[in-house]
Protein backbone atom coordinates (compact mmCIF):
# COMPACT_ATOMS: atom_id res chain seq x y z
CA MET A 1 -0.11 -0.15 0.14
CA ILE A 2 2.86 2.48 1.05
CA VAL A 3 4.96 1.67 -2.29
CA ALA A 4 1.62 2.32 -4.64
CA LEU A 5 0.71 5.56 -2.98
CA THR A 6 4.65 6.44 -3.08
CA LEU A 7 4.45 5.67 -6.92
CA ILE A 8 1.29 7.48 -7.45
CA LEU A 9 2.43 10.58 -5.55
CA THR A 10 5.82 10.39 -7.57
CA ALA A 11 3.66 10.34 -10.82
CA ALA A 12 1.58 13.21 -9.74
CA PHE A 13 4.53 15.61 -8.95
CA ALA A 14 6.76 14.61 -11.71
CA VAL A 15 4.61 15.84 -14.76
CA PRO A 16 4.42 19.46 -13.30
CA PHE A 17 8.30 19.23 -12.28
CA ILE A 18 9.18 18.15 -15.83
CA ALA A 19 6.98 21.21 -17.25
CA ARG A 20 8.19 23.63 -14.81
CA ALA A 21 11.88 22.88 -15.35
CA THR A 22 11.37 22.91 -19.20
CA GLY A 23 9.77 26.57 -18.82
CA GLY A 24 6.42 25.85 -19.29
CA GLY A 25 6.56 27.06 -23.02
CA SER A 26 4.54 24.38 -24.94
CA PRO A 27 1.12 23.62 -25.58
CA ALA A 28 1.46 20.71 -23.14
CA THR A 29 3.61 21.98 -20.61
CA THR A 30 2.22 25.50 -20.25
CA PRO A 31 -0.79 25.02 -17.80
CA LEU A 32 1.10 22.26 -15.98
CA ALA A 33 3.94 24.38 -14.68
CA ALA A 34 1.20 26.16 -12.76
CA PHE A 35 0.67 23.30 -10.60
CA ALA A 36 4.13 23.44 -9.49
CA PRO A 37 2.96 24.37 -6.04
CA ILE A 38 0.81 21.76 -5.67
CA ALA A 39 3.61 19.23 -6.89
CA THR A 40 5.88 20.40 -4.46
CA LEU A 41 3.24 18.90 -1.77
CA ALA A 42 2.98 15.91 -3.42
CA ALA A 43 6.91 15.31 -3.76
CA ALA A 44 7.22 16.00 0.07
CA ALA A 45 4.50 13.84 0.75
CA ALA A 46 6.26 10.73 -1.72
CA THR A 47 9.65 11.33 -0.12
CA ILE A 48 8.34 11.11 3.48
CA LEU A 49 6.49 7.92 2.47
CA ALA A 50 9.65 6.50 0.69
CA VAL A 51 11.42 6.57 3.88
CA GLY A 52 9.00 3.67 5.13
CA VAL A 53 9.87 1.82 1.50
CA THR A 54 13.78 1.75 1.09
CA TRP A 55 16.29 4.80 1.90
CA TRP A 56 17.62 5.15 -1.27
CA LEU A 57 14.16 5.93 -2.81
CA ALA A 58 13.84 8.48 -0.41
CA VAL A 59 17.17 10.01 -1.17
CA LEU A 60 16.25 10.01 -4.74
CA LEU A 61 13.03 11.54 -4.42
CA ALA A 62 14.51 14.19 -2.21
CA ILE A 63 16.32 15.35 -4.55
CA PRO A 64 13.39 16.89 -7.14
CA THR A 65 11.39 17.62 -3.81
CA ALA A 66 14.37 20.06 -2.62
CA VAL A 67 14.40 21.50 -6.45
CA LEU A 68 10.31 22.08 -6.20
CA VAL A 69 10.64 23.59 -2.66
CA ALA A 70 13.55 26.27 -3.81
CA TRP A 71 11.13 27.52 -6.87
CA GLN A 72 8.39 28.15 -4.11
CA VAL A 73 10.31 29.66 -1.68
CA PRO A 74 9.44 33.43 -1.69
CA PRO A 75 12.11 35.76 -2.82
CA ARG A 76 13.50 37.84 -0.02
CA ALA A 77 11.26 41.19 0.59
CA GLN A 78 12.52 44.43 0.28
CA PRO A 79 15.08 46.52 2.79
CA GLY A 80 13.61 47.71 5.45
CA SER A 81 14.58 51.73 4.66
CA ALA A 82 12.85 53.50 2.14
CA PRO A 83 14.80 55.30 -0.54
CA ALA A 84 16.28 58.84 -0.02
CA GLY A 85 15.16 61.76 -2.09
CA SER A 86 12.15 63.65 -2.36
CA GLU A 87 8.79 62.53 -0.47
CA PRO A 88 7.05 59.69 -2.26
CA VAL A 89 3.98 59.47 -3.80
CA VAL A 90 1.79 56.31 -2.56
CA ILE A 91 -0.13 54.60 -4.94
CA ARG A 92 -2.61 51.75 -4.01
CA PHE A 93 -3.16 49.92 -6.92
CA LEU A 94 -6.51 47.55 -7.02
CA THR A 95 -6.62 44.92 -10.24
CA LEU A 96 -9.31 42.54 -10.86
CA ASN A 97 -10.46 39.86 -13.45
CA ALA A 98 -14.21 40.27 -13.43
CA LEU A 99 -15.29 36.92 -15.07
CA VAL A 100 -16.66 38.05 -18.55
CA GLY A 101 -18.34 41.18 -16.70
CA ARG A 102 -20.43 38.61 -13.62
CA ALA A 103 -18.17 40.43 -10.78
CA ASN A 104 -20.54 41.89 -8.17
CA PRO A 105 -20.61 45.69 -8.98
CA ALA A 106 -21.68 46.67 -5.63
CA ALA A 107 -18.97 44.37 -4.25
CA ILE A 108 -16.30 46.17 -6.26
CA VAL A 109 -17.58 49.66 -5.33
CA SER A 110 -17.92 48.78 -1.90
CA GLN A 111 -14.32 47.50 -1.61
CA ALA A 112 -13.08 50.69 -3.67
CA ARG A 113 -14.47 52.72 -0.72
CA LYS A 114 -12.92 50.68 1.90
CA LEU A 115 -9.44 50.22 0.35
CA GLN A 116 -9.33 53.68 -1.26
CA PRO A 117 -7.47 52.62 -4.25
CA ASP A 118 -5.64 55.00 -6.25
CA VAL A 119 -6.27 52.98 -9.49
CA LEU A 120 -8.41 50.46 -10.18
CA ALA A 121 -7.93 47.99 -13.43
CA VAL A 122 -10.77 45.66 -14.57
CA GLN A 123 -10.02 42.96 -17.25
CA GLU A 124 -13.15 41.20 -18.91
CA LEU A 125 -15.00 44.33 -18.49
CA THR A 126 -18.05 44.23 -20.49
CA PRO A 127 -20.44 47.13 -21.56
CA GLY A 128 -22.71 45.81 -19.02
CA LEU A 129 -20.51 45.50 -16.15
CA ALA A 130 -19.09 48.96 -17.04
CA GLY A 131 -22.48 50.58 -16.85
CA ARG A 132 -23.50 48.97 -13.66
CA LEU A 133 -20.29 50.03 -11.86
CA ALA A 134 -20.97 53.60 -13.10
CA ASP A 135 -24.51 53.41 -11.56
CA ALA A 136 -22.96 51.89 -8.21
CA GLY A 137 -20.88 55.25 -7.93
CA LEU A 138 -17.42 53.82 -9.04
CA PRO A 139 -16.61 57.36 -10.90
CA GLU A 140 -17.29 59.31 -8.07
CA LEU A 141 -14.50 57.76 -6.07
CA LEU A 142 -12.37 57.30 -8.93
CA PRO A 143 -13.27 60.15 -11.83
CA HIS A 144 -10.67 59.79 -14.38
CA SER A 145 -10.77 56.61 -16.61
CA CYS A 146 -9.74 54.92 -19.69
CA LEU A 147 -12.27 52.49 -20.75
CA ASP A 148 -12.55 49.93 -23.54
CA PRO A 149 -15.43 47.57 -22.66
CA ARG A 150 -16.22 44.65 -24.94
CA PRO A 151 -18.65 41.66 -25.24
CA GLY A 152 -16.52 38.56 -23.86
CA HIS A 153 -13.05 38.11 -22.23
CA THR A 154 -11.12 41.20 -23.79
CA GLY A 155 -12.70 44.15 -22.20
CA ILE A 156 -10.65 46.37 -20.14
CA GLY A 157 -11.13 49.64 -17.81
CA LEU A 158 -9.08 51.39 -15.63
CA TRP A 159 -10.33 54.24 -13.05
CA SER A 160 -7.90 56.68 -11.30
CA SER A 161 -8.34 59.14 -8.59
CA ARG A 162 -5.56 60.98 -10.67
CA PRO A 163 -5.26 62.31 -14.21
CA VAL A 164 -4.66 59.49 -16.81
CA SER A 165 -4.16 60.11 -20.41
CA PRO A 166 -4.69 56.90 -23.14
CA LEU A 167 -1.57 55.61 -24.96
CA PRO A 168 -1.45 53.24 -27.57
CA PRO A 169 -2.01 49.71 -26.44
CA VAL A 170 0.69 46.85 -26.56
CA PRO A 171 1.23 46.54 -30.55
CA GLY A 172 0.27 43.40 -32.36
CA ALA A 173 -1.45 41.87 -28.96
CA ARG A 174 -4.22 39.46 -29.58
CA ASN A 175 -6.06 40.32 -26.35
CA PRO A 176 -6.14 44.19 -26.29
CA MET A 177 -3.68 45.54 -23.64
CA ALA A 178 -4.60 48.97 -22.58
CA ARG A 179 -1.98 51.55 -21.70
CA ALA A 180 -2.19 54.97 -20.28
CA GLN A 181 -0.02 58.01 -18.43
CA LEU A 182 -0.97 58.32 -14.86
CA ASP A 183 0.04 61.63 -13.31
CA VAL A 184 1.62 61.33 -10.18
CA GLY A 185 3.59 64.39 -10.06
CA TRP A 186 5.76 62.92 -12.95
CA PRO A 187 4.38 60.55 -15.44
CA VAL A 188 3.92 56.77 -15.04
CA THR A 189 3.24 54.60 -17.90
CA VAL A 190 0.16 51.82 -16.51
CA THR A 191 -0.32 48.56 -18.84
CA VAL A 192 -3.14 46.40 -18.00
CA VAL A 193 -2.74 42.82 -18.87
CA HIS A 194 -4.78 40.21 -19.89
CA PRO A 195 -3.55 37.65 -22.32
CA PRO A 196 -5.62 34.66 -23.72
CA ALA A 197 -5.34 31.58 -21.25
CA PRO A 198 -3.07 28.83 -22.47
CA LEU A 199 -6.02 26.44 -22.35
CA ARG A 200 -7.62 24.44 -25.59
CA GLY A 201 -5.53 25.73 -28.02
CA GLY A 202 -4.82 28.91 -26.60
CA GLN A 203 -1.01 28.49 -25.70
CA PRO A 204 0.34 30.25 -29.37
CA GLY A 205 -1.60 33.21 -28.53
CA TRP A 206 -0.80 33.38 -24.87
CA LYS A 207 3.05 32.72 -25.92
CA GLN A 208 2.66 35.52 -28.62
CA ASP A 209 1.04 37.96 -26.34
CA MET A 210 3.67 37.49 -23.42
CA GLU A 211 6.57 37.95 -26.04
CA ARG A 212 4.44 41.42 -27.36
CA LEU A 213 4.14 42.41 -23.72
CA ARG A 214 7.57 41.97 -22.86
CA GLY A 215 8.96 43.90 -25.82
CA ALA A 216 6.38 46.88 -24.94
CA LEU A 217 7.73 46.86 -21.40
CA ALA A 218 11.31 46.58 -22.19
CA SER A 219 11.36 49.34 -24.79
CA THR A 220 9.44 51.97 -22.43
CA THR A 221 11.20 54.66 -20.53
CA GLY A 222 10.42 55.86 -17.22
CA GLN A 223 8.44 54.25 -14.31
CA GLN A 224 5.81 51.61 -15.09
CA LEU A 225 2.89 50.15 -13.44
CA VAL A 226 1.93 46.70 -15.17
CA ALA A 227 -0.80 44.69 -13.62
CA GLY A 228 -3.84 42.29 -14.42
CA ASP A 229 -4.61 38.36 -15.31
CA PHE A 230 -1.48 37.33 -16.74
CA ASN A 231 -2.42 33.58 -16.94
CA ALA A 232 0.71 32.94 -15.69
CA THR A 233 2.80 32.43 -12.62
CA ARG A 234 6.53 32.63 -11.40
CA ASP A 235 6.70 28.81 -12.45
CA HIS A 236 6.17 29.97 -16.28
CA ARG A 237 9.75 31.06 -17.78
CA ALA A 238 7.81 33.88 -19.69
CA PHE A 239 6.70 35.18 -16.91
CA ARG A 240 10.27 35.58 -15.32
CA ARG A 241 11.29 37.04 -18.70
CA LEU A 242 8.99 39.92 -17.72
CA LEU A 243 10.35 40.60 -14.41
CA ALA A 244 13.60 40.56 -16.08
CA ALA A 245 12.49 44.07 -17.76
CA ASP A 246 13.25 45.73 -14.51
CA LEU A 247 10.02 44.85 -12.81
CA ALA A 248 9.39 43.68 -9.59
CA ASP A 249 6.16 41.47 -8.57
CA CYS A 250 4.59 43.23 -5.72
CA ALA A 251 3.42 39.96 -4.25
CA ASP A 252 7.19 38.90 -4.07
CA ALA A 253 8.97 42.31 -2.86
CA ALA A 254 6.15 43.95 -0.33
CA ARG A 255 7.31 44.35 3.18
CA GLN A 256 3.79 43.21 4.28
CA ARG A 257 2.51 40.21 2.42
CA PRO A 258 0.72 36.98 2.93
CA TRP A 259 2.28 33.73 1.05
CA PRO A 260 1.45 32.76 -1.41
CA GLY A 261 -1.02 35.09 -2.19
CA PHE A 262 -2.77 32.80 -4.69
CA THR A 263 -5.67 33.95 -6.68
CA TRP A 264 -7.06 31.34 -8.87
CA PRO A 265 -9.86 29.87 -8.61
CA ALA A 266 -11.60 31.98 -6.12
CA ASN A 267 -15.16 30.45 -6.75
CA ARG A 268 -14.57 26.79 -5.61
CA TRP A 269 -14.79 24.79 -2.20
CA PHE A 270 -11.11 24.42 -2.24
CA PRO A 271 -8.50 27.66 -1.73
CA PRO A 272 -7.11 29.34 -4.84
CA LEU A 273 -4.37 27.10 -6.23
CA MET A 274 -2.29 29.67 -7.98
CA ARG A 275 -1.17 33.06 -8.66
CA LEU A 276 -2.24 34.33 -11.86
CA ASP A 277 -3.30 37.94 -11.04
CA HIS A 278 -0.02 40.30 -10.47
CA VAL A 279 0.88 43.69 -9.95
CA LEU A 280 4.17 44.65 -11.00
CA VAL A 281 6.45 47.82 -10.53
CA SER A 282 9.51 49.29 -11.87
CA ARG A 283 12.21 48.29 -9.69
CA HIS A 284 14.05 51.74 -9.27
CA GLY A 285 12.60 54.40 -7.27
CA ALA A 286 9.59 52.25 -5.72
CA VAL A 287 9.01 50.43 -2.39
CA VAL A 288 6.14 48.13 -2.21
CA ARG A 289 4.46 48.74 1.46
CA GLU A 290 1.88 45.76 1.13
CA ALA A 291 0.19 43.19 -1.08
CA ARG A 292 -2.83 41.43 -0.53
CA THR A 293 -5.56 39.57 -2.24
CA VAL A 294 -9.31 40.78 -2.09
CA ALA A 295 -12.46 38.32 -2.41
CA ILE A 296 -15.12 39.61 -4.44
CA PRO A 297 -17.98 38.03 -5.24
CA GLY A 298 -18.92 36.63 -8.75
CA THR A 299 -15.85 36.13 -10.13
CA ASP A 300 -12.91 33.36 -10.32
CA HIS A 301 -10.24 35.40 -9.25
CA ARG A 302 -9.14 37.40 -6.21
CA ALA A 303 -8.51 40.98 -6.72
CA VAL A 304 -4.98 42.13 -5.71
CA LEU A 305 -4.22 45.29 -3.80
CA ALA A 306 -0.60 46.76 -3.87
CA VAL A 307 0.24 50.04 -1.79
CA ILE A 308 3.59 51.14 -3.43
CA GLU A 309 5.60 54.20 -2.50
CA LEU A 310 6.94 55.83 -6.03
CA ARG A 311 9.74 58.42 -6.32
CA PRO A 312 11.01 59.98 -9.52
CA ALA A 313 13.20 57.38 -11.13
CA GLY A 314 16.41 59.74 -10.49
CA SER A 315 15.62 60.23 -7.26
CA GLY A 316 17.91 57.09 -6.34
CA GLY A 317 17.19 54.46 -3.61
CA PRO A 318 16.52 50.77 -3.63
CA ALA A 319 13.74 48.95 -5.29
C-alpha cells in the first residue's frame, strides 16, 4: 500500500516538475507548470512515504523535492529603509478579473470605498458591467478613466483618482492590453494585462502576447506599473522574462505580504491554487509596502491590492 501510494504521488509531481523545469513554454507544459506549488506538496509526501520503503528511494525523491521547494520559496522582501530623495507618492493599485462581467458591481465599489485605491484595473470588463459600476458610484470615487468595455473576455477598464491619459495599446497583442499615462507628479506608464488563457488551443496566443508585452515593457522609458490577469505564474519562464525587464512582482517584493497570495480559482470549495493575477512595478524608485488578495463575489479570481511608494526614477534608492 505504501509503495503504491508513493508511486502515485511520484507520478503526480513528476509531470508539473518536468513542465516547470522545461520553462512551461509548449502547449502541453504551459498549463501544467502552474501546478508546481501543488507538486511540491505531492513530492514532499512521496519522499516521506519513501522512507518507509527504502532509504535510496527516499534520497532519490528528495532531490526533485528540494528543487520544487527552492522554486516556491518566496523571494526576499525589500530592504527595510525607504529610498532617499524627495517625498514619495503612495499609489494604492487594485486589479481584478471580472469573469466576463459577472463580478458583483456593488462589491467592487464597496471594496473601492474600503480600500481607497488610487487606481483600479478591471479585466473582462463588459459594457453591462461598466454601466453597473457607473450606476453604483465608481466614477465618484475614481473620476478619471480609460475604458474599453467589450463583450466576452477582452474588455479592459482603468479608473483613477489621478489624471490619466490614454496611450497606444501594446502593439500586435491578440487580447487588447491597454496603456495609459498616470500623472503622480511625474508620468508613470500603466499597462493593463490579460493575455489569453493557455488552454484549449490558446497557448500560441498566450505565448505571442507575453512576448509582445515583454517587448513593449522593455522599450518603455520611465517608471511603469503593470497589472492584470497574466494567466501566468513565476513557474512560467515567460513570466520570469517579464520580471527581467527591471520589474518586481509586488506580491514578492512587499514588506507586508501574505504568502503564497494565490488568486485562482476563487469560487470553489477549495482555496486558490495559483497566482495568476499580479501587480508589477519598476524596481528603481519604488518600495512596495503591502500586497494582498481581496475576495470579490461573482468572479473566479481574487483581486490584488498593492500599496507602492513611488519616487521619480532619478531620485535614487533601492527597489
